[in-house]
Amino acid sequence: MEDRIRTGKDTGFGRFPSRVFAINQAGLQLALTGIDLLAWTQTLLLDGDLAKAEPKKLRYRLLHVAARITRTARRTHLAIAEHWPWTDALVTAFTRLAALPRPAG
């Protein structure tokens, strides 16, 4: 629980951007959504030290990746730079994400 609170503080939880309640309410919902997405990503898609990494490390290693999204023949491709040190971790995460069952409904 304390790790998630610390993660939340690193992702904007507790920093209210306005004096208007509705704006702060929306900002809080976005921060909580980000916290949940990070937690589920680490639980389902990552392993090793990235599964326990702080948000700053995840942003540096996975979210700021040097890559290009291309579309050919109605398919979307992610071309990751060859020199990126965490290419394998990112490819594994995308493979695990694609292998998850689709939600019912």
Protein backbone atom coordinates (compact mmCIF):
# COMPACT_ATOMS: atom_id res chain seq x y z
CA MET A 1 0.00 0.00 0.00
CA GLU A 2 2.75 2.45 0.90
CA ASP A 3 4.51 1.73 -2.40
CA ARG A 4 1.37 2.67 -4.33
CA ILE A 5 1.00 5.90 -2.32
CA ARG A 6 4.63 6.78 -3.10
CA THR A 7 4.00 5.90 -6.75
CA GLY A 8 0.96 8.14 -6.70
CA LYS A 9 2.96 11.06 -5.39
CA ASP A 10 5.44 10.55 -8.24
CA THR A 11 2.62 10.62 -10.80
CA GLY A 12 0.80 13.76 -9.67
CA PHE A 13 -1.47 12.47 -6.92
CA GLY A 14 -1.96 15.25 -4.36
CA ARG A 15 -0.98 18.13 -6.64
CA PHE A 16 -4.16 19.94 -7.42
CA PRO A 17 -3.85 22.19 -10.49
CA SER A 18 -6.67 24.61 -9.73
CA ARG A 19 -8.83 26.18 -7.07
CA VAL A 20 -11.95 24.92 -8.85
CA PHE A 21 -13.20 21.67 -7.32
CA ALA A 22 -14.38 20.10 -10.60
CA ILE A 23 -10.98 20.62 -12.24
CA ASN A 24 -9.20 19.12 -9.25
CA GLN A 25 -11.66 16.22 -9.25
CA ALA A 26 -10.84 15.47 -12.90
CA GLY A 27 -7.10 15.78 -12.19
CA LEU A 28 -7.41 13.36 -9.27
CA GLN A 29 -9.27 10.84 -11.43
CA LEU A 30 -6.54 11.05 -14.09
CA ALA A 31 -3.80 10.60 -11.48
CA LEU A 32 -5.58 7.58 -9.98
CA THR A 33 -6.04 6.09 -13.44
CA GLY A 34 -2.31 6.52 -14.09
CA ILE A 35 -1.46 4.84 -10.79
CA ASP A 36 -3.71 1.88 -11.66
CA LEU A 37 -2.24 1.57 -15.16
CA LEU A 38 1.29 1.52 -13.76
CA ALA A 39 0.37 -1.10 -11.16
CA TRP A 40 -1.33 -3.38 -13.70
CA THR A 41 1.49 -2.91 -16.22
CA GLN A 42 4.07 -3.92 -13.66
CA THR A 43 1.98 -6.88 -12.48
CA LEU A 44 0.94 -8.30 -15.84
CA LEU A 45 3.56 -7.22 -18.37
CA LEU A 46 6.92 -6.64 -16.71
CA ASP A 47 9.33 -8.83 -14.80
CA GLY A 48 12.62 -8.49 -12.97
CA ASP A 49 13.68 -5.07 -11.73
CA LEU A 50 11.15 -3.26 -13.96
CA ALA A 51 8.28 -5.01 -12.17
CA LYS A 52 9.33 -3.21 -8.99
CA ALA A 53 10.68 0.00 -10.53
CA GLU A 54 9.63 3.49 -9.53
CA PRO A 55 7.68 5.59 -12.07
CA LYS A 56 10.72 7.71 -12.90
CA LYS A 57 12.71 4.64 -13.95
CA LEU A 58 9.79 3.29 -16.00
CA ARG A 59 9.40 6.63 -17.79
CA TYR A 60 13.10 6.68 -18.63
CA ARG A 61 13.40 3.06 -19.73
CA LEU A 62 10.06 2.27 -21.36
CA LEU A 63 7.93 5.32 -21.99
CA HIS A 64 10.63 7.53 -23.51
CA VAL A 65 11.77 4.86 -25.94
CA ALA A 66 13.36 5.87 -29.22
CA ALA A 67 10.87 4.32 -31.65
CA ARG A 68 8.71 5.01 -34.67
CA ILE A 69 5.14 3.87 -35.26
CA THR A 70 4.47 2.93 -38.89
CA ARG A 71 1.44 1.61 -40.76
CA THR A 72 1.72 -0.64 -43.78
CA ALA A 73 -0.83 -3.01 -45.31
CA ARG A 74 -3.39 -2.05 -42.63
CA ARG A 75 -1.04 -3.18 -39.87
CA THR A 76 0.64 -1.04 -37.25
CA HIS A 77 4.31 -1.66 -36.47
CA LEU A 78 6.55 -0.29 -33.74
CA ALA A 79 10.14 0.10 -34.93
CA ILE A 80 12.35 0.38 -31.86
CA ALA A 81 15.86 1.77 -32.21
CA GLU A 82 18.44 -1.02 -32.29
CA HIS A 83 20.67 0.61 -29.71
CA TRP A 84 17.95 0.98 -27.05
CA PRO A 85 19.11 -1.07 -24.02
CA TRP A 86 15.61 -2.11 -22.90
CA THR A 87 14.27 -3.27 -26.26
CA ASP A 88 13.81 -6.86 -25.07
CA ALA A 89 11.80 -5.78 -22.01
CA LEU A 90 9.55 -3.59 -24.12
CA VAL A 91 8.98 -6.25 -26.80
CA THR A 92 8.22 -8.82 -24.09
CA ALA A 93 5.71 -6.43 -22.48
CA PHE A 94 3.92 -5.87 -25.82
CA THR A 95 3.89 -9.62 -26.49
CA ARG A 96 2.36 -10.29 -23.06
CA LEU A 97 -0.18 -7.54 -23.63
CA ALA A 98 -1.24 -9.04 -26.97
CA ALA A 99 -1.56 -12.48 -25.33
CA LEU A 100 -4.00 -11.29 -22.63
CA PRO A 101 -7.57 -12.47 -23.17
CA ARG A 102 -10.01 -9.92 -24.54
CA PRO A 103 -12.58 -8.63 -22.04
CA ALA A 104 -16.04 -10.13 -22.35
CA GLY A 105 -18.86 -7.89 -23.26
